[in-house]
Amino acid sequence: MDAAWHSLMDVGELFQTIPPVHWAKKQLQPYAKYVQVLAQPALTSLSLAYAAARLAMRSGMAAVGGATSTVFGDD
């Protein structure tokens, strides 16, 4: 597994040494940092919404389980 990871990283480093790719990376790096900063609140909100949806689903399933246990008497 380590050998596969290192060979993949070697290919990535080799790709970044190509002059046009290196130039583009150098030019776009400041913009990428701004995008990261601007996207962070949206990603945090998405994560919180996902956690709330999971909690709602689990609560709903527990309520259904409790209701069926009460109705059918599966104590």
N, C-alpha and C. Protein backbone atom coordinates (compact mmCIF):
# COMPACT_ATOMS: atom_id res chain seq x y z
N MET A 1 0.82 -1.19 0.00
CA MET A 1 0.00 0.00 0.00
C MET A 1 0.87 1.26 0.00
N ASP A 2 1.93 1.21 0.79
CA ASP A 2 2.83 2.37 0.83
C ASP A 2 3.51 2.60 -0.51
N ALA A 3 3.87 1.53 -1.18
CA ALA A 3 4.52 1.67 -2.48
C ALA A 3 3.57 2.30 -3.49
N ALA A 4 2.30 1.90 -3.44
CA ALA A 4 1.31 2.49 -4.36
C ALA A 4 1.13 3.97 -4.06
N TRP A 5 1.08 4.32 -2.78
CA TRP A 5 0.92 5.73 -2.39
C TRP A 5 2.12 6.55 -2.86
N HIS A 6 3.33 6.02 -2.65
CA HIS A 6 4.52 6.76 -3.06
C HIS A 6 4.61 6.90 -4.58
N SER A 7 4.21 5.87 -5.31
CA SER A 7 4.25 5.99 -6.76
C SER A 7 3.22 7.01 -7.25
N LEU A 8 2.07 7.06 -6.58
CA LEU A 8 1.05 8.06 -6.92
C LEU A 8 1.56 9.46 -6.62
N MET A 9 2.22 9.63 -5.49
CA MET A 9 2.77 10.94 -5.14
C MET A 9 3.88 11.34 -6.10
N ASP A 10 4.69 10.37 -6.54
CA ASP A 10 5.75 10.67 -7.50
C ASP A 10 5.17 11.17 -8.81
N VAL A 11 4.07 10.56 -9.26
CA VAL A 11 3.42 11.01 -10.49
C VAL A 11 2.89 12.42 -10.31
N GLY A 12 2.30 12.71 -9.14
CA GLY A 12 1.79 14.05 -8.88
C GLY A 12 2.89 15.10 -8.86
N GLU A 13 4.01 14.75 -8.25
CA GLU A 13 5.14 15.69 -8.23
C GLU A 13 5.72 15.88 -9.63
N LEU A 14 5.77 14.81 -10.39
CA LEU A 14 6.27 14.90 -11.76
C LEU A 14 5.35 15.80 -12.59
N PHE A 15 4.04 15.65 -12.41
CA PHE A 15 3.07 16.46 -13.14
C PHE A 15 3.23 17.94 -12.80
N GLN A 16 3.53 18.23 -11.52
CA GLN A 16 3.66 19.63 -11.09
C GLN A 16 4.96 20.27 -11.57
N THR A 17 5.91 19.48 -12.03
CA THR A 17 7.16 20.07 -12.53
C THR A 17 7.06 20.51 -13.98
N ILE A 18 5.98 20.17 -14.66
CA ILE A 18 5.78 20.62 -16.04
C ILE A 18 5.61 22.14 -15.99
N PRO A 19 6.37 22.89 -16.77
CA PRO A 19 6.35 24.35 -16.65
C PRO A 19 4.96 25.00 -16.71
N PRO A 20 4.07 24.66 -17.65
CA PRO A 20 2.76 25.34 -17.64
C PRO A 20 1.94 25.01 -16.38
N VAL A 21 2.05 23.78 -15.90
CA VAL A 21 1.30 23.40 -14.70
C VAL A 21 1.87 24.15 -13.49
N HIS A 22 3.18 24.21 -13.40
CA HIS A 22 3.83 24.93 -12.30
C HIS A 22 3.44 26.42 -12.32
N TRP A 23 3.44 27.01 -13.50
CA TRP A 23 3.07 28.43 -13.63
C TRP A 23 1.61 28.64 -13.20
N ALA A 24 0.71 27.77 -13.67
CA ALA A 24 -0.71 27.91 -13.34
C ALA A 24 -0.93 27.73 -11.84
N LYS A 25 -0.25 26.77 -11.24
CA LYS A 25 -0.39 26.56 -9.80
C LYS A 25 0.07 27.79 -9.03
N LYS A 26 1.19 28.36 -9.46
CA LYS A 26 1.73 29.54 -8.80
C LYS A 26 0.79 30.75 -8.94
N GLN A 27 0.16 30.88 -10.11
CA GLN A 27 -0.74 32.01 -10.36
C GLN A 27 -2.07 31.86 -9.62
N LEU A 28 -2.56 30.63 -9.51
CA LEU A 28 -3.89 30.40 -8.93
C LEU A 28 -3.87 30.17 -7.42
N GLN A 29 -2.71 30.01 -6.83
CA GLN A 29 -2.63 29.70 -5.41
C GLN A 29 -3.29 30.76 -4.52
N PRO A 30 -3.08 32.06 -4.74
CA PRO A 30 -3.77 33.05 -3.89
C PRO A 30 -5.29 32.98 -4.01
N TYR A 31 -5.79 32.72 -5.22
CA TYR A 31 -7.23 32.62 -5.41
C TYR A 31 -7.79 31.38 -4.72
N ALA A 32 -7.04 30.31 -4.73
CA ALA A 32 -7.47 29.09 -4.07
C ALA A 32 -7.61 29.31 -2.58
N LYS A 33 -6.71 30.09 -2.00
CA LYS A 33 -6.80 30.39 -0.56
C LYS A 33 -8.05 31.21 -0.27
N TYR A 34 -8.37 32.19 -1.11
CA TYR A 34 -9.59 32.97 -0.91
C TYR A 34 -10.83 32.10 -1.03
N VAL A 35 -10.84 31.19 -1.98
CA VAL A 35 -11.98 30.29 -2.15
C VAL A 35 -12.14 29.41 -0.93
N GLN A 36 -11.04 28.93 -0.37
CA GLN A 36 -11.11 28.12 0.84
C GLN A 36 -11.72 28.92 1.99
N VAL A 37 -11.28 30.15 2.15
CA VAL A 37 -11.79 30.98 3.25
C VAL A 37 -13.27 31.28 3.04
N LEU A 38 -13.66 31.58 1.80
CA LEU A 38 -15.07 31.89 1.54
C LEU A 38 -15.96 30.67 1.61
N ALA A 39 -15.44 29.51 1.29
CA ALA A 39 -16.25 28.29 1.29
C ALA A 39 -16.39 27.68 2.68
N GLN A 40 -15.54 28.04 3.61
CA GLN A 40 -15.57 27.41 4.94
C GLN A 40 -16.91 27.55 5.64
N PRO A 41 -17.56 28.73 5.68
CA PRO A 41 -18.87 28.80 6.33
C PRO A 41 -19.92 27.92 5.66
N ALA A 42 -19.89 27.83 4.35
CA ALA A 42 -20.85 26.99 3.64
C ALA A 42 -20.61 25.52 3.97
N LEU A 43 -19.37 25.10 4.02
CA LEU A 43 -19.06 23.72 4.36
C LEU A 43 -19.46 23.39 5.79
N THR A 44 -19.25 24.33 6.70
CA THR A 44 -19.65 24.13 8.08
C THR A 44 -21.16 24.02 8.19
N SER A 45 -21.88 24.88 7.50
CA SER A 45 -23.34 24.83 7.50
C SER A 45 -23.85 23.52 6.92
N LEU A 46 -23.23 23.06 5.85
CA LEU A 46 -23.61 21.79 5.24
C LEU A 46 -23.38 20.63 6.21
N SER A 47 -22.27 20.68 6.91
CA SER A 47 -21.97 19.64 7.89
C SER A 47 -22.99 19.64 9.02
N LEU A 48 -23.36 20.81 9.51
CA LEU A 48 -24.36 20.90 10.57
C LEU A 48 -25.73 20.45 10.09
N ALA A 49 -26.10 20.79 8.87
CA ALA A 49 -27.38 20.36 8.32
C ALA A 49 -27.42 18.84 8.17
N TYR A 50 -26.31 18.25 7.76
CA TYR A 50 -26.23 16.80 7.63
C TYR A 50 -26.38 16.14 9.00
N ALA A 51 -25.71 16.68 10.01
CA ALA A 51 -25.81 16.12 11.36
C ALA A 51 -27.24 16.24 11.88
N ALA A 52 -27.90 17.36 11.62
CA ALA A 52 -29.29 17.54 12.06
C ALA A 52 -30.21 16.57 11.35
N ALA A 53 -29.99 16.33 10.08
CA ALA A 53 -30.82 15.37 9.34
C ALA A 53 -30.61 13.96 9.86
N ARG A 54 -29.37 13.61 10.17
CA ARG A 54 -29.11 12.28 10.75
C ARG A 54 -29.79 12.13 12.10
N LEU A 55 -29.73 13.16 12.92
CA LEU A 55 -30.38 13.13 14.23
C LEU A 55 -31.88 13.00 14.07
N ALA A 56 -32.46 13.72 13.15
CA ALA A 56 -33.90 13.64 12.92
C ALA A 56 -34.30 12.24 12.45
N MET A 57 -33.50 11.65 11.57
CA MET A 57 -33.79 10.30 11.08
C MET A 57 -33.71 9.29 12.21
N ARG A 58 -32.67 9.39 13.03
CA ARG A 58 -32.53 8.45 14.15
C ARG A 58 -33.65 8.64 15.17
N SER A 59 -34.03 9.87 15.43
CA SER A 59 -35.13 10.13 16.37
C SER A 59 -36.44 9.58 15.83
N GLY A 60 -36.66 9.77 14.55
CA GLY A 60 -37.87 9.24 13.93
C GLY A 60 -37.92 7.73 13.98
N MET A 61 -36.79 7.09 13.71
CA MET A 61 -36.76 5.63 13.76
C MET A 61 -36.97 5.13 15.19
N ALA A 62 -36.43 5.82 16.18
CA ALA A 62 -36.65 5.44 17.58
C ALA A 62 -38.12 5.61 17.95
N ALA A 63 -38.75 6.67 17.46
CA ALA A 63 -40.17 6.89 17.75
C ALA A 63 -41.02 5.81 17.11
N VAL A 64 -40.70 5.44 15.88
CA VAL A 64 -41.45 4.37 15.22
C VAL A 64 -41.25 3.06 15.96
N GLY A 65 -40.03 2.78 16.37
CA GLY A 65 -39.76 1.57 17.14
C GLY A 65 -40.52 1.54 18.46
N GLY A 66 -40.56 2.67 19.14
CA GLY A 66 -41.30 2.75 20.40
C GLY A 66 -42.79 2.59 20.19
N ALA A 67 -43.31 3.18 19.13
CA ALA A 67 -44.74 3.08 18.86
C ALA A 67 -45.13 1.65 18.50
N THR A 68 -44.34 0.98 17.69
CA THR A 68 -44.68 -0.40 17.33
C THR A 68 -44.52 -1.32 18.53
N SER A 69 -43.56 -1.03 19.39
CA SER A 69 -43.40 -1.83 20.59
C SER A 69 -44.60 -1.66 21.51
N THR A 70 -45.13 -0.46 21.60
CA THR A 70 -46.29 -0.21 22.44
C THR A 70 -47.54 -0.86 21.84
N VAL A 71 -47.72 -0.75 20.56
CA VAL A 71 -48.91 -1.28 19.91
C VAL A 71 -48.92 -2.81 19.92
N PHE A 72 -47.78 -3.40 19.60
CA PHE A 72 -47.74 -4.85 19.49
C PHE A 72 -47.29 -5.54 20.75
N GLY A 73 -46.88 -4.79 21.77
CA GLY A 73 -46.51 -5.35 23.07
C GLY A 73 -45.26 -6.20 23.02
N ASP A 74 -44.24 -5.76 22.30
CA ASP A 74 -42.99 -6.52 22.20
C ASP A 74 -42.03 -6.07 23.31
N ASP A 75 -42.40 -6.25 24.53
CA ASP A 75 -41.53 -5.83 25.64
C ASP A 75 -40.41 -6.75 25.82
